[in-house]
C-alpha atoms as a PDB file:
ATOM      1  CA  MET A   1     -74.229  67.835-136.559  1.00  0.00           C
ATOM      2  CA  GLU A   2     -76.836  70.797-136.772  1.00  0.00           C
ATOM      3  CA  GLN A   3     -80.745  71.020-135.447  1.00  0.00           C
ATOM      4  CA  ARG A   4     -83.252  70.062-137.746  1.00  0.00           C
ATOM      5  CA  ASP A   5     -85.841  72.604-137.880  1.00  0.00           C
ATOM      6  CA  ARG A   6     -89.519  70.366-136.342  1.00  0.00           C
ATOM      7  CA  GLY A   7     -92.032  73.406-136.495  1.00  0.00           C
ATOM      8  CA  GLY A   8     -92.516  77.120-135.863  1.00  0.00           C
ATOM      9  CA  PHE A   9     -94.039  80.136-134.594  1.00  0.00           C
ATOM     10  CA  PHE A  10     -97.053  79.093-135.934  1.00  0.00           C
ATOM     11  CA  LEU A  11     -97.531  75.041-134.052  1.00  0.00           C
ATOM     12  CA  CYS A  12     -96.081  76.597-131.344  1.00  0.00           C
ATOM     13  CA  LEU A  13     -99.012  79.209-131.068  1.00  0.00           C
ATOM     14  CA  LEU A  14    -101.574  76.435-132.170  1.00  0.00           C
ATOM     15  CA  TRP A  15     -99.959  74.632-129.447  1.00  0.00           C
ATOM     16  CA  ASN A  16     -99.933  77.436-126.824  1.00  0.00           C
ATOM     17  CA  ALA A  17    -103.292  77.936-127.132  1.00  0.00           C
ATOM     18  CA  LEU A  18    -104.593  73.952-126.867  1.00  0.00           C
ATOM     19  CA  LEU A  19    -102.747  73.510-123.220  1.00  0.00           C
ATOM     20  CA  TYR A  20    -104.884  76.766-121.875  1.00  0.00           C
ATOM     21  CA  ALA A  21    -107.437  76.937-123.772  1.00  0.00           C
ATOM     22  CA  ALA A  22    -109.729  76.570-120.340  1.00  0.00           C
ATOM     23  CA  TRP A  23    -108.392  79.763-119.340  1.00  0.00           C
ATOM     24  CA  SER A  24    -110.027  80.995-122.608  1.00  0.00           C
ATOM     25  CA  LEU A  25    -113.087  80.386-120.565  1.00  0.00           C
ATOM     26  CA  PRO A  26    -114.270  83.595-118.889  1.00  0.00           C
ATOM     27  CA  ALA A  27    -114.450  84.586-121.998  1.00  0.00           C
ATOM     28  CA  TRP A  28    -117.243  82.016-122.975  1.00  0.00           C
ATOM     29  CA  ILE A  29    -118.728  82.301-119.481  1.00  0.00           C
ATOM     30  CA  LEU A  30    -118.977  86.923-120.491  1.00  0.00           C
ATOM     31  CA  LEU A  31    -121.226  85.185-124.276  1.00  0.00           C
ATOM     32  CA  ALA A  32    -123.231  83.311-121.916  1.00  0.00           C
ATOM     33  CA  LEU A  33    -124.474  85.995-119.895  1.00  0.00           C
ATOM     34  CA  HIS A  34    -124.534  87.648-123.070  1.00  0.00           C
ATOM     35  CA  TYR A  35    -127.447  86.478-123.651  1.00  0.00           C
ATOM     36  CA  ALA A  36    -128.849  85.426-120.642  1.00  0.00           C
ATOM     37  CA  ILE A  37    -129.044  88.518-119.188  1.00  0.00           C
ATOM     38  CA  GLY A  38    -128.540  90.982-121.914  1.00  0.00           C
ATOM     39  CA  LEU A  39    -124.447  91.629-121.172  1.00  0.00           C
ATOM     40  CA  PRO A  40    -122.778  93.719-123.845  1.00  0.00           C
ATOM     41  CA  VAL A  41    -120.680  91.819-126.493  1.00  0.00           C
ATOM     42  CA  VAL A  42    -118.043  93.668-126.219  1.00  0.00           C
ATOM     43  CA  TRP A  43    -116.552  92.240-123.357  1.00  0.00           C
ATOM     44  CA  PHE A  44    -116.666  88.799-124.272  1.00  0.00           C
ATOM     45  CA  TRP A  45    -114.726  90.513-127.447  1.00  0.00           C
ATOM     46  CA  VAL A  46    -112.482  91.888-124.715  1.00  0.00           C
ATOM     47  CA  ALA A  47    -111.498  88.238-122.749  1.00  0.00           C
ATOM     48  CA  LEU A  48    -111.403  86.995-125.955  1.00  0.00           C
ATOM     49  CA  GLY A  49    -109.072  89.391-126.955  1.00  0.00           C
ATOM     50  CA  ALA A  50    -106.565  89.450-123.598  1.00  0.00           C
ATOM     51  CA  TRP A  51    -107.292  85.384-123.834  1.00  0.00           C
ATOM     52  CA  ALA A  52    -104.919  85.469-127.208  1.00  0.00           C
ATOM     53  CA  LEU A  53    -102.824  87.760-126.437  1.00  0.00           C
ATOM     54  CA  LEU A  54    -101.143  86.394-123.509  1.00  0.00           C
ATOM     55  CA  ILE A  55    -101.165  83.040-125.912  1.00  0.00           C
ATOM     56  CA  LEU A  56     -99.418  85.282-128.096  1.00  0.00           C
ATOM     57  CA  LEU A  57     -96.704  87.239-125.431  1.00  0.00           C
ATOM     58  CA  ARG A  58     -96.452  82.873-124.269  1.00  0.00           C
ATOM     59  CA  THR A  59     -95.410  82.013-127.864  1.00  0.00           C
ATOM     60  CA  LEU A  60     -92.799  84.684-128.228  1.00  0.00           C
ATOM     61  CA  LEU A  61     -91.591  84.674-125.337  1.00  0.00           C
ATOM     62  CA  ILE A  62     -90.378  80.323-125.801  1.00  0.00           C
ATOM     63  CA  VAL A  63     -90.001  81.548-129.222  1.00  0.00           C
ATOM     64  CA  PHE A  64     -86.938  84.009-128.332  1.00  0.00           C
ATOM     65  CA  ALA A  65     -85.727  81.316-126.001  1.00  0.00           C
ATOM     66  CA  ARG A  66     -85.441  79.062-128.565  1.00  0.00           C
ATOM     67  CA  TYR A  67     -83.398  80.988-130.729  1.00  0.00           C
ATOM     68  CA  ALA A  68     -81.501  82.390-128.293  1.00  0.00           C
ATOM     69  CA  SER A  69     -80.245  78.911-126.231  1.00  0.00           C
ATOM     70  CA  ALA A  70     -79.402  77.859-130.598  1.00  0.00           C
ATOM     71  CA  HIS A  71     -76.388  80.758-129.694  1.00  0.00           C
ATOM     72  CA  ARG A  72     -73.761  79.303-129.072  1.00  0.00           C
ATOM     73  CA  ILE A  73     -70.357  80.669-127.119  1.00  0.00           C
ATOM     74  CA  PRO A  74     -66.649  79.701-128.534  1.00  0.00           C
ATOM     75  CA  VAL A  75     -64.424  77.571-125.521  1.00  0.00           C
ATOM     76  CA  PRO A  76     -61.566  80.126-125.248  1.00  0.00           C
ATOM     77  CA  GLU A  77     -58.501  77.283-125.604  1.00  0.00           C
ATOM     78  CA  ASN A  78     -56.625  76.982-122.363  1.00  0.00           C
ATOM     79  CA  LYS A  79     -52.758  78.313-122.419  1.00  0.00           C
ATOM     80  CA  ASN A  80     -51.980  77.821-119.278  1.00  0.00           C
ATOM     81  CA  PRO A  81     -49.245  74.986-119.563  1.00  0.00           C
ATOM     82  CA  TYR A  82     -49.752  73.452-116.070  1.00  0.00           C
ATOM     83  CA  SER A  83     -53.701  72.849-115.997  1.00  0.00           C
ATOM     84  CA  LYS A  84     -54.425  69.877-117.533  1.00  0.00           C
ATOM     85  CA  THR A  85     -55.530  69.193-120.824  1.00  0.00           C
ATOM     86  CA  VAL A  86     -59.435  69.215-121.007  1.00  0.00           C
ATOM     87  CA  ARG A  87     -60.284  66.412-124.036  1.00  0.00           C
ATOM     88  CA  ASP A  88     -63.299  67.583-126.020  1.00  0.00           C
ATOM     89  CA  PRO A  89     -65.923  64.552-125.798  1.00  0.00           C
ATOM     90  CA  TYR A  90     -68.444  65.271-128.382  1.00  0.00           C
ATOM     91  CA  ALA A  91     -65.447  66.367-131.013  1.00  0.00           C
ATOM     92  CA  GLU A  92     -65.860  63.230-133.596  1.00  0.00           C
ATOM     93  CA  MET A  93     -69.817  63.500-133.597  1.00  0.00           C
ATOM     94  CA  ARG A  94     -69.204  66.578-135.188  1.00  0.00           C
ATOM     95  CA  LYS A  95     -66.744  66.467-137.573  1.00  0.00           C
ATOM     96  CA  GLN A  96     -69.666  63.520-139.133  1.00  0.00           C
END
């Protein structure tokens, strides 16, 4: 049975951006300070870019972990004649 792909990188990126939108609060404070006291607007863009970079790195980590966990290592055959053989409970489900 094959797992169906339910979204991709951009869906994960959007979800992370929504979940961690509060982390962009320092950037918005810097934008408010730009209008209030004349702080250079470049600091807003630096803070917003740092937030976006963190979200991108988190998303890449999640996507990497997802694809890395999809690789299954086959179980070697038990060649010990004295050990109890273990029945695979999911063998019938894989045949369907």
